[in-house]
Protein backbone atom coordinates (compact mmCIF):
# COMPACT_ATOMS: atom_id res chain seq x y z
CA MET A 1 76.75 58.07 121.40
CA GLU A 2 75.25 60.48 119.09
CA PRO A 3 78.14 62.93 118.40
CA ALA A 4 77.69 66.47 120.08
CA SER A 5 76.98 69.47 118.41
CA LEU A 6 78.96 72.87 119.32
CA ARG A 7 76.63 72.95 122.90
CA GLY A 8 79.93 70.84 123.55
CA ARG A 9 82.60 73.30 122.32
CA ALA A 10 85.56 72.61 124.36
CA GLY A 11 86.96 75.01 126.85
CA PRO A 12 90.23 75.32 128.22
CA GLY A 13 93.44 73.48 126.99
CA ARG A 14 96.10 71.86 128.77
CA ALA A 15 98.13 75.05 128.07
CA GLY A 16 97.98 79.23 127.38
CA GLY A 17 94.71 78.64 128.85
CA GLY A 18 91.54 78.45 126.66
CA TRP A 19 89.17 80.46 125.18
CA ARG A 20 85.35 80.80 125.55
CA SER A 21 82.52 83.24 124.49
CA PRO A 22 80.35 85.00 127.68
CA PRO A 23 77.29 83.94 128.43
CA GLY A 24 73.71 85.61 126.90
CA ALA A 25 74.51 87.21 123.86
CA GLY A 26 72.69 86.37 120.47
CA PRO A 27 72.28 89.18 117.99
CA GLN A 28 70.86 92.36 119.52
CA TRP A 29 68.07 93.14 117.45
CA PRO A 30 66.51 96.97 116.92
CA GLY A 31 63.76 97.90 118.90
CA GLY A 32 60.07 98.57 117.40
CA GLY A 33 59.09 102.16 117.45
CA GLY A 34 58.88 102.94 113.08
CA GLY A 35 55.47 102.25 112.59
CA SER A 36 54.16 99.10 111.08
CA MET A 37 55.82 98.60 107.74
CA ARG A 38 59.44 99.86 109.38
CA ALA A 39 58.40 97.11 111.73
CA ALA A 40 57.47 94.56 109.44
CA ALA A 41 60.94 95.14 107.61
CA GLY A 42 62.83 95.17 110.34
CA ASP A 43 61.12 91.42 111.39
CA VAL A 44 62.32 89.99 107.85
CA VAL A 45 65.73 91.48 108.25
CA GLY A 46 66.09 89.77 111.62
CA ILE A 47 64.47 86.70 110.62
CA LEU A 48 67.23 86.36 107.64
CA ILE A 49 69.92 86.92 109.86
CA ILE A 50 68.77 84.62 112.29
CA CYS A 51 68.32 82.23 109.47
CA LEU A 52 72.19 82.79 108.54
CA VAL A 53 74.05 82.15 111.78
CA SER A 54 71.76 79.11 112.13
CA ALA A 55 73.37 77.49 108.93
CA ALA A 56 76.93 78.47 110.25
CA ALA A 57 76.18 77.18 113.88
CA ALA A 58 74.96 73.98 112.91
CA LEU A 59 78.30 72.10 112.15
CA ASP A 60 78.21 68.92 114.27
CA PHE A 61 80.78 66.84 115.21
CA LYS A 62 80.29 64.44 111.99
CA TYR A 63 81.99 64.12 108.95
CA HIS A 64 80.81 66.43 106.32
CA HIS A 65 81.15 65.57 103.04
CA THR A 66 81.34 67.88 99.97
CA GLU A 67 77.58 69.40 99.50
CA GLU A 68 77.60 70.09 103.49
CA LEU A 69 81.10 71.36 103.42
CA GLU A 70 80.67 73.98 100.55
CA GLU A 71 77.20 74.27 102.26
CA TYR A 72 78.92 75.37 105.68
CA LEU A 73 81.72 77.56 104.35
CA ARG A 74 78.93 79.54 102.14
CA GLY A 75 76.99 79.59 106.12
CA VAL A 76 79.71 81.35 107.85
CA ARG A 77 80.58 83.55 104.84
CA ALA A 78 77.36 85.04 104.99
CA ALA A 79 76.52 85.31 108.71
CA TYR A 80 80.10 86.98 108.80
CA PRO A 81 80.30 89.11 105.78
CA SER A 82 83.03 91.37 107.16
CA LEU A 83 85.13 89.24 108.45
CA THR A 84 85.29 86.36 106.09
CA HIS A 85 85.77 85.66 102.73
CA LEU A 86 85.07 82.51 100.61
CA HIS A 87 86.83 81.58 97.17
CA SER A 88 87.86 78.61 95.57
CA ILE A 89 91.58 78.25 94.25
CA GLY A 90 90.87 75.86 91.70
CA ARG A 91 89.21 72.51 90.89
CA SER A 92 90.33 68.58 91.42
CA VAL A 93 90.41 66.10 88.86
CA GLU A 94 87.33 66.14 89.44
CA GLY A 95 85.74 69.56 88.86
CA ARG A 96 85.09 69.79 93.10
CA ASP A 97 86.34 73.58 94.49
CA LEU A 98 89.38 73.92 96.09
CA TRP A 99 87.62 76.34 98.53
CA VAL A 100 89.83 78.63 100.78
CA LEU A 101 87.96 80.57 103.64
CA VAL A 102 89.37 83.59 104.82
CA LEU A 103 89.60 85.44 108.14
CA GLY A 104 90.64 88.45 109.32
CA ARG A 105 89.94 92.18 109.47
CA PHE A 106 90.87 92.72 105.52
CA PRO A 107 89.37 89.19 104.54
CA THR A 108 89.87 90.23 100.83
CA HIS A 109 92.52 91.45 100.24
CA HIS A 110 96.50 91.79 101.53
CA LYS A 111 97.03 94.80 103.56
CA ILE A 112 100.72 96.02 104.62
CA GLY A 113 101.86 94.72 108.09
CA ILE A 114 99.76 91.72 108.35
CA PRO A 115 101.45 88.51 107.82
CA GLU A 116 99.38 86.02 105.69
CA PHE A 117 98.89 82.43 108.17
CA LYS A 118 97.45 78.80 105.80
CA TYR A 119 95.88 75.60 107.10
CA VAL A 120 95.58 72.72 104.66
CA ALA A 121 94.25 69.55 105.39
CA ASN A 122 92.60 66.49 103.42
CA MET A 123 95.85 66.36 101.61
CA HIS A 124 95.54 62.74 101.76
CA GLY A 125 91.92 61.96 101.00
CA ASP A 126 91.90 59.34 103.77
CA GLU A 127 93.54 61.06 106.19
CA THR A 128 89.99 62.85 107.61
CA VAL A 129 90.76 64.16 111.39
CA GLY A 130 92.29 67.86 110.16
CA ARG A 131 89.64 68.50 107.55
CA GLU A 132 86.94 68.25 110.31
CA ILE A 133 88.96 70.32 113.25
CA LEU A 134 89.43 73.10 110.62
CA LEU A 135 85.47 73.26 110.50
CA HIS A 136 85.50 73.57 114.14
CA LEU A 137 88.28 76.32 114.09
CA ILE A 138 86.43 78.19 111.48
CA ASP A 139 83.51 78.70 114.18
CA PHE A 140 85.34 78.97 117.12
CA LEU A 141 87.48 81.90 115.42
CA VAL A 142 84.28 83.59 114.14
CA THR A 143 82.26 82.90 117.16
CA SER A 144 85.17 84.42 119.13
CA TYR A 145 86.19 87.28 116.72
CA GLY A 146 84.91 90.65 118.98
CA ARG A 147 83.87 88.68 122.35
CA ASP A 148 87.40 87.19 123.23
CA PRO A 149 89.96 89.70 123.45
CA VAL A 150 92.80 87.27 122.55
CA ILE A 151 91.02 86.29 118.98
CA THR A 152 90.22 89.56 118.27
CA ARG A 153 93.12 90.86 118.34
CA LEU A 154 94.93 87.22 116.74
CA LEU A 155 92.56 88.40 113.38
CA ASN A 156 92.87 91.97 113.47
CA ASN A 157 96.43 91.32 112.77
CA THR A 158 96.42 87.77 111.04
CA ARG A 159 95.03 87.06 107.67
CA VAL A 160 94.35 83.76 108.05
CA HIS A 161 93.54 81.01 105.39
CA ILE A 162 92.02 78.08 105.61
CA MET A 163 91.61 75.14 103.20
CA PRO A 164 89.55 72.24 104.75
CA THR A 165 90.35 70.00 102.15
CA MET A 166 92.93 69.83 99.67
CA ASN A 167 92.00 66.37 98.24
CA PRO A 168 88.56 66.63 98.05
CA ASP A 169 88.34 63.49 95.27
CA GLY A 170 90.33 61.34 97.28
CA PHE A 171 87.70 61.83 100.38
CA GLU A 172 84.77 60.89 98.08
CA ALA A 173 86.55 58.11 96.80
CA THR A 174 86.52 56.58 100.37
CA LYS A 175 83.91 54.33 100.92
CA VAL A 176 84.92 52.44 103.86
CA PRO A 177 87.00 54.15 106.54
CA ASP A 178 90.06 52.68 107.56
CA CYS A 179 92.53 53.34 109.90
CA TYR A 180 96.16 52.39 108.08
CA TYR A 181 95.42 52.14 104.36
CA THR A 182 92.85 52.94 101.41
CA ARG A 183 92.95 54.16 97.46
CA GLY A 184 91.41 57.50 98.55
CA ARG A 185 94.83 58.24 99.86
CA TYR A 186 95.09 59.67 95.99
CA ASN A 187 93.48 61.69 94.01
CA LYS A 188 91.46 60.81 91.01
CA ASN A 189 94.41 60.24 88.68
CA GLY A 190 95.93 57.92 91.41
CA GLU A 191 98.86 60.59 92.57
CA ASP A 192 100.50 61.30 96.13
CA LEU A 193 100.14 64.90 96.10
CA ASN A 194 102.44 65.09 98.79
CA ARG A 195 105.17 63.60 96.65
CA ASN A 196 103.88 65.85 93.73
CA PHE A 197 105.67 69.11 94.22
CA PRO A 198 109.14 70.36 92.44
CA ASP A 199 111.77 68.72 94.92
CA ALA A 200 115.06 71.12 95.59
CA PHE A 201 117.18 67.76 96.13
CA GLU A 202 116.05 65.78 92.88
CA ASN A 203 114.20 65.93 89.84
CA ASN A 204 110.68 64.89 90.38
CA SER A 205 109.17 63.07 87.40
CA ALA A 206 105.89 63.23 88.55
CA ASN A 207 103.36 64.96 86.15
CA ILE A 208 101.81 67.96 88.39
CA GLN A 209 98.25 67.45 89.63
CA PRO A 210 95.68 69.94 89.49
CA GLU A 211 95.13 70.54 93.30
CA THR A 212 99.26 71.16 93.33
CA GLN A 213 98.94 73.17 90.73
CA ALA A 214 96.55 75.43 92.04
CA VAL A 215 98.16 75.51 94.88
CA MET A 216 101.48 76.65 94.05
CA ASP A 217 99.51 79.04 92.15
CA TRP A 218 97.99 80.29 95.59
CA ILE A 219 101.69 79.78 97.34
CA LYS A 220 102.31 82.36 94.64
CA ASN A 221 100.08 84.83 94.79
CA GLU A 222 99.47 85.59 98.38
CA THR A 223 102.59 86.15 100.64
CA PHE A 224 102.41 83.19 103.51
CA VAL A 225 104.94 83.18 106.12
CA LEU A 226 103.82 80.31 108.18
CA SER A 227 101.38 77.21 107.64
CA ALA A 228 100.94 74.06 108.80
CA ASN A 229 99.06 71.08 106.58
CA LEU A 230 97.59 68.67 108.93
CA HIS A 231 97.51 64.50 108.26
CA GLY A 232 96.57 61.46 110.02
CA GLY A 233 98.36 58.17 110.48
CA ALA A 234 100.75 59.18 113.77
CA LEU A 235 101.05 61.58 116.25
CA VAL A 236 103.94 64.26 116.15
CA ALA A 237 104.81 67.38 114.37
CA SER A 238 107.16 67.12 111.67
CA TYR A 239 109.44 69.80 110.14
CA THR A 240 112.10 70.71 106.88
CA PHE A 241 113.93 69.52 104.92
CA ASP A 242 111.65 66.01 104.09
CA ASN A 243 114.36 65.10 101.47
CA GLY A 244 117.93 66.25 101.48
CA ASN A 245 121.58 65.64 100.70
CA PRO A 246 125.13 65.69 102.07
CA VAL A 247 124.76 69.67 101.67
CA THR A 248 122.26 69.48 104.11
CA GLY A 249 123.92 66.86 106.43
CA SER A 250 121.85 63.77 105.37
CA LEU A 251 124.41 61.66 105.99
CA ASN A 252 124.17 61.86 109.75
CA GLY A 253 120.53 61.02 109.39
CA TYR A 254 119.12 63.98 109.66
CA SER A 255 118.51 67.19 106.91
CA LYS A 256 119.32 70.21 108.83
CA SER A 257 117.55 73.79 107.03
CA PRO A 258 119.06 76.93 107.68
CA ASP A 259 116.39 78.23 109.99
CA ASP A 260 116.14 74.91 111.85
CA ASP A 261 115.71 76.77 115.50
CA VAL A 262 112.84 78.19 114.19
CA PHE A 263 111.47 74.92 112.49
CA ILE A 264 111.71 73.37 116.30
CA HIS A 265 110.43 76.06 117.83
CA LEU A 266 107.62 75.73 116.06
CA ALA A 267 106.88 72.25 116.08
CA LYS A 268 107.29 72.22 119.91
CA THR A 269 104.66 75.22 120.18
CA TYR A 270 102.34 72.72 118.49
CA SER A 271 103.11 69.41 120.32
CA SER A 272 103.43 71.15 123.55
CA ASN A 273 100.05 72.60 123.74
CA HIS A 274 98.67 69.56 122.25
CA ALA A 275 96.55 67.12 124.66
CA SER A 276 99.20 64.52 124.14
CA MET A 277 101.70 65.00 121.62
CA TYR A 278 103.68 66.62 123.74
CA LYS A 279 104.57 63.26 125.29
CA GLY A 280 105.79 61.49 122.03
CA THR A 281 105.04 57.85 122.59
CA GLY A 282 103.62 58.03 119.02
CA CYS A 283 100.99 55.06 117.94
CA ASP A 284 102.75 52.13 118.83
CA ASN A 285 106.00 51.00 121.24
CA ARG A 286 108.32 50.88 118.00
CA GLN A 287 108.00 54.50 116.99
CA THR A 288 108.30 57.18 119.80
CA PHE A 289 109.42 60.93 119.03
CA PRO A 290 110.92 63.10 121.65
CA GLY A 291 108.83 65.95 122.92
CA GLY A 292 106.30 65.12 119.99
CA ILE A 293 108.45 66.41 117.16
CA THR A 294 110.81 65.22 114.76
CA ASN A 295 112.85 66.25 111.36
CA GLY A 296 110.84 65.04 108.30
CA TYR A 297 114.26 63.11 106.62
CA SER A 298 114.79 62.07 110.33
CA TRP A 299 111.80 60.15 110.18
CA TYR A 300 111.63 59.11 106.56
CA GLN A 301 113.46 60.24 103.58
CA LEU A 302 109.87 62.37 101.44
CA GLU A 303 110.36 63.65 97.72
CA GLY A 304 108.04 65.78 96.55
CA GLY A 305 106.88 67.13 99.57
CA MET A 306 104.59 70.49 100.37
CA GLN A 307 105.96 71.20 103.02
CA ASP A 308 109.94 71.55 101.53
CA TYR A 309 108.29 73.27 98.37
CA ASN A 310 106.31 76.20 100.73
CA TYR A 311 110.18 76.39 102.86
CA VAL A 312 112.04 77.30 99.53
CA TRP A 313 110.06 78.72 96.65
CA GLY A 314 106.86 80.44 98.54
CA GLN A 315 109.00 81.54 101.60
CA CYS A 316 106.57 80.43 103.70
CA PHE A 317 107.57 78.24 106.92
CA GLU A 318 105.49 74.95 106.95
CA ILE A 319 105.76 72.26 109.00
CA THR A 320 103.17 68.75 109.13
CA LEU A 321 101.08 67.91 111.06
CA GLU A 322 100.13 64.03 111.97
CA LEU A 323 97.20 64.59 114.45
CA SER A 324 95.86 60.86 114.38
CA CYS A 325 97.05 57.56 114.77
CA CYS A 326 93.96 56.02 112.82
CA LYS A 327 93.40 57.84 109.83
CA TYR A 328 89.97 57.71 109.41
CA PRO A 329 88.40 57.69 112.75
CA PRO A 330 85.01 57.01 113.62
CA ALA A 331 83.08 60.33 113.87
CA ASP A 332 82.14 59.70 117.60
CA GLN A 333 85.68 60.58 118.26
CA LEU A 334 85.72 63.52 116.32
CA GLU A 335 85.10 65.86 119.21
CA LYS A 336 88.05 64.57 121.34
CA PHE A 337 90.67 65.33 118.48
CA TRP A 338 88.80 69.00 118.11
CA ARG A 339 89.71 69.30 122.37
CA ASP A 340 92.77 67.97 121.96
CA ASN A 341 94.30 70.35 119.48
CA LYS A 342 91.95 73.38 119.82
CA VAL A 343 94.90 75.56 121.90
CA ALA A 344 97.61 74.01 120.19
CA LEU A 345 95.70 75.45 117.06
CA VAL A 346 95.49 79.23 118.19
CA GLU A 347 98.73 78.90 119.42
CA TYR A 348 100.85 77.93 116.26
CA ILE A 349 98.93 80.55 114.44
CA LYS A 350 100.32 83.33 116.78
CA GLN A 351 103.86 82.28 116.02
CA VAL A 352 102.80 84.42 112.32
CA HIS A 353 104.39 87.03 114.55
CA LEU A 354 107.97 85.89 115.66
CA GLY A 355 110.93 87.34 113.93
CA VAL A 356 111.11 91.01 111.88
CA LYS A 357 108.91 92.84 109.52
CA GLY A 358 109.39 95.83 107.60
CA GLN A 359 109.45 97.43 104.12
CA VAL A 360 112.25 98.58 101.21
CA THR A 361 111.75 101.81 99.03
CA ASP A 362 113.20 103.91 97.26
CA LYS A 363 113.94 107.62 97.58
CA ASN A 364 110.69 108.61 96.76
CA GLY A 365 108.93 105.91 99.22
CA ASN A 366 107.63 103.82 96.83
CA PRO A 367 108.43 100.09 97.52
CA ILE A 368 110.87 98.27 95.91
CA PRO A 369 110.00 94.55 94.66
CA ASN A 370 112.21 91.38 94.70
CA ALA A 371 115.04 93.19 97.06
CA ILE A 372 116.54 90.33 98.81
CA VAL A 373 116.07 90.45 102.38
CA GLU A 374 117.87 88.21 104.89
CA ALA A 375 119.50 87.35 108.04
CA LYS A 376 122.88 87.71 108.44
CA GLY A 377 124.20 84.03 109.01
CA ARG A 378 121.30 82.28 107.60
CA PRO A 379 120.78 82.67 103.69
CA HIS A 380 117.94 80.71 101.52
CA VAL A 381 119.37 78.89 98.61
CA CYS A 382 116.67 80.53 96.70
CA PRO A 383 116.62 84.13 98.68
CA TYR A 384 113.66 85.54 100.46
CA ARG A 385 112.71 88.55 98.20
CA THR A 386 110.44 91.46 98.75
CA ASN A 387 106.71 91.04 97.51
CA GLU A 388 104.88 93.93 95.09
CA GLN A 389 104.52 96.03 97.94
CA GLY A 390 108.26 95.93 99.35
CA GLU A 391 107.83 93.62 102.58
CA TYR A 392 110.11 90.97 103.89
CA PHE A 393 108.54 88.90 107.11
CA LEU A 394 111.61 86.80 108.31
CA LEU A 395 110.22 84.37 110.85
CA LEU A 396 113.26 84.69 113.85
CA LEU A 397 113.47 83.50 117.83
CA PRO A 398 114.54 86.48 119.71
CA GLY A 399 118.14 87.37 119.42
CA THR A 400 121.06 89.51 118.15
CA TYR A 401 120.87 89.71 114.54
CA VAL A 402 121.82 91.73 111.40
CA ILE A 403 119.80 92.10 108.26
CA ASN A 404 121.25 91.93 105.26
CA ALA A 405 118.60 94.41 101.88
CA THR A 406 119.92 94.03 98.66
CA VAL A 407 118.67 95.73 95.45
CA PRO A 408 120.83 93.91 93.03
CA GLY A 409 122.90 96.91 91.20
CA PHE A 410 123.33 98.87 94.56
CA LYS A 411 125.05 98.59 97.76
CA SER A 412 123.75 96.46 100.42
CA MET A 413 122.07 98.02 103.49
CA LEU A 414 122.88 96.68 107.45
CA LYS A 415 120.64 96.98 110.27
CA THR A 416 121.31 94.93 113.69
CA VAL A 417 117.95 94.47 115.20
CA GLU A 418 117.18 93.08 118.85
CA ILE A 419 114.28 90.67 118.40
CA SER A 420 111.72 89.83 121.48
CA ASP A 421 109.08 87.29 121.29
CA ASN A 422 105.91 89.62 120.08
CA THR A 423 103.96 86.88 119.31
CA GLY A 424 101.61 88.06 122.53
CA ASN A 425 101.47 91.64 120.89
CA PHE A 426 100.39 89.86 117.22
CA SER A 427 103.04 91.90 115.49
CA ALA A 428 106.39 91.06 114.35
CA LEU A 429 109.66 93.60 114.81
CA LYS A 430 109.09 96.25 112.58
CA GLN A 431 112.08 97.72 110.39
CA ASP A 432 112.17 99.99 107.37
CA PHE A 433 115.28 99.76 104.67
CA SER A 434 115.00 103.10 102.54
CA PHE A 435 117.34 103.27 99.48
CA PRO A 436 117.96 106.85 98.57
CA GLU A 437 119.99 106.29 95.58
CA VAL A 438 117.23 103.96 94.21
CA SER A 439 114.75 106.16 92.02
CA ASP A 440 111.35 104.63 90.95
CA LYS A 441 112.63 104.22 87.18
CA ILE A 442 115.16 101.99 88.89
CA ARG A 443 113.73 98.18 89.91
CA SER A 444 114.74 95.47 90.70
CA ARG A 445 113.95 93.03 87.95
CA VAL A 446 115.27 89.51 88.61
CA ALA A 447 113.51 86.59 88.35
CA SER A 448 112.05 84.15 91.11
CA CYS A 449 114.18 81.21 91.59
CA PRO A 450 113.60 78.19 89.35
CA GLU A 451 111.19 75.44 90.08
CA ILE A 452 114.81 72.90 89.95
CA PRO A 453 116.67 70.90 92.31
CA LEU A 454 118.87 73.47 93.87
CA TYR A 455 120.42 71.86 96.56
CA GLN A 456 121.39 68.79 93.56
CA GLU A 457 122.84 71.62 91.53
CA PHE A 458 125.21 72.59 94.43
CA THR A 459 126.29 68.68 94.44
CA ARG A 460 126.95 68.97 91.15
CA ALA A 461 128.72 72.45 90.94
CA SER A 462 131.04 71.80 93.98
CA ALA A 463 132.30 68.24 92.28
CA ALA A 464 133.45 70.04 89.18
CA ALA A 465 134.87 72.68 91.51
CA LYS A 466 132.97 76.25 89.04
CA PRO A 467 133.14 78.90 91.31
CA THR A 468 129.98 81.23 90.30
CA VAL A 469 128.02 83.32 92.00
CA HIS A 470 125.39 80.81 92.71
CA ILE A 471 127.65 77.99 94.16
CA LEU A 472 129.06 80.74 96.29
CA VAL A 473 125.75 81.84 97.66
CA LEU A 474 125.05 77.79 98.08
CA MET A 475 128.38 77.36 99.91
CA ALA A 476 127.28 79.94 102.07
CA VAL A 477 124.11 77.91 103.06
CA MET A 478 126.37 74.88 103.91
CA LEU A 479 128.73 76.77 105.70
CA VAL A 480 125.86 78.09 107.85
CA ILE A 481 124.77 74.99 108.04
CA PHE A 482 127.25 73.01 109.57
CA LYS A 483 128.75 76.18 111.93
């Protein structure tokens, strides 16, 4: 059967309700009455807008190769210029652009208080479902904005970054679709991009690829709070850590982060809103995932993954979404994949508003970058710091927490906060910190953590029993994990 076009856009999902645009309503063109020249000009503008909207809406359920994908993204950008921003974060080995479409009320730049969210798909070039459903997510978001109050509030209070393909070379190299394996998994240099990032547990000897470096730079240049990367070959939501050592409990077959409770919640949010992932049946009788989720290490150990890199060095909570048992399924199944994932994709974005956020400022109200802000009892091996605007974002489940803000060289400031579930209000709890003894001439100059195996360094140092400040911090991490 020929794949349906957007006339078959999905209705409500299994959980959380669905979203539909109201009936009627194409664009309303200005009336005549200003003379033939004005009318003619209006007709030209109207025709141009209709063409742009038509180009953006012409998204069938099929596989879109590089030229078609670029054409679609450019069409969306042209049709919705105040809501979207299209840019390339770099190029693949073969020179293809790594496109990102940004959606939100302020699409071109970060706005204080508005968290940054991202979806990345097609990291493995032969895992293709995520690539296509992200295009349909884009279509759904832009056509619902201003019509659906939930999507409108979501985009007014969130800056959403969508990268449909991180490995365009691998996708184009996959000439014969296969459910299990093709060389298109890798980039042009034959490297697995999800084994190519710096690792917190062991030295990764792989040469950093252009696609990997582009994503690493992107992460450093934005203040990402929450993310997911979309894969295929299984049906499960997997969460950090993917790698591990005895410090994180790997001897027990589970590599536990200080924010394990939050990661479990994030994975369950996606799984429970998916049409069938929550059942946990997996893809065969040998592989089951209770609740449709798994700790990455418990599933299989992975070195150099993007998920752990985001969490340790990007201050961004990322989970891995395996969306299809068949890596490259027939195109006539894409519409069902979109229906299965639609609600979950939106509900997951909302989770970026969990927890607490705020600014750290000096006595004059100027932002203090690089201040350390952590929830007491769950320090990160690479401490989470404020950005250039002095902002911090901490994803935390509802409860009572003590937030510790530290400007190196000055006394720490502690504040107790009661956190509710504010995802429905599209804003985390706001808690600012002002350091009256800090002037605008005194700023933290602490560099970011080196991209070395930080947990490995802890293991070695512990064996040598060297009581350095860094070791003490890592010991605190260990105590929290095993509490």
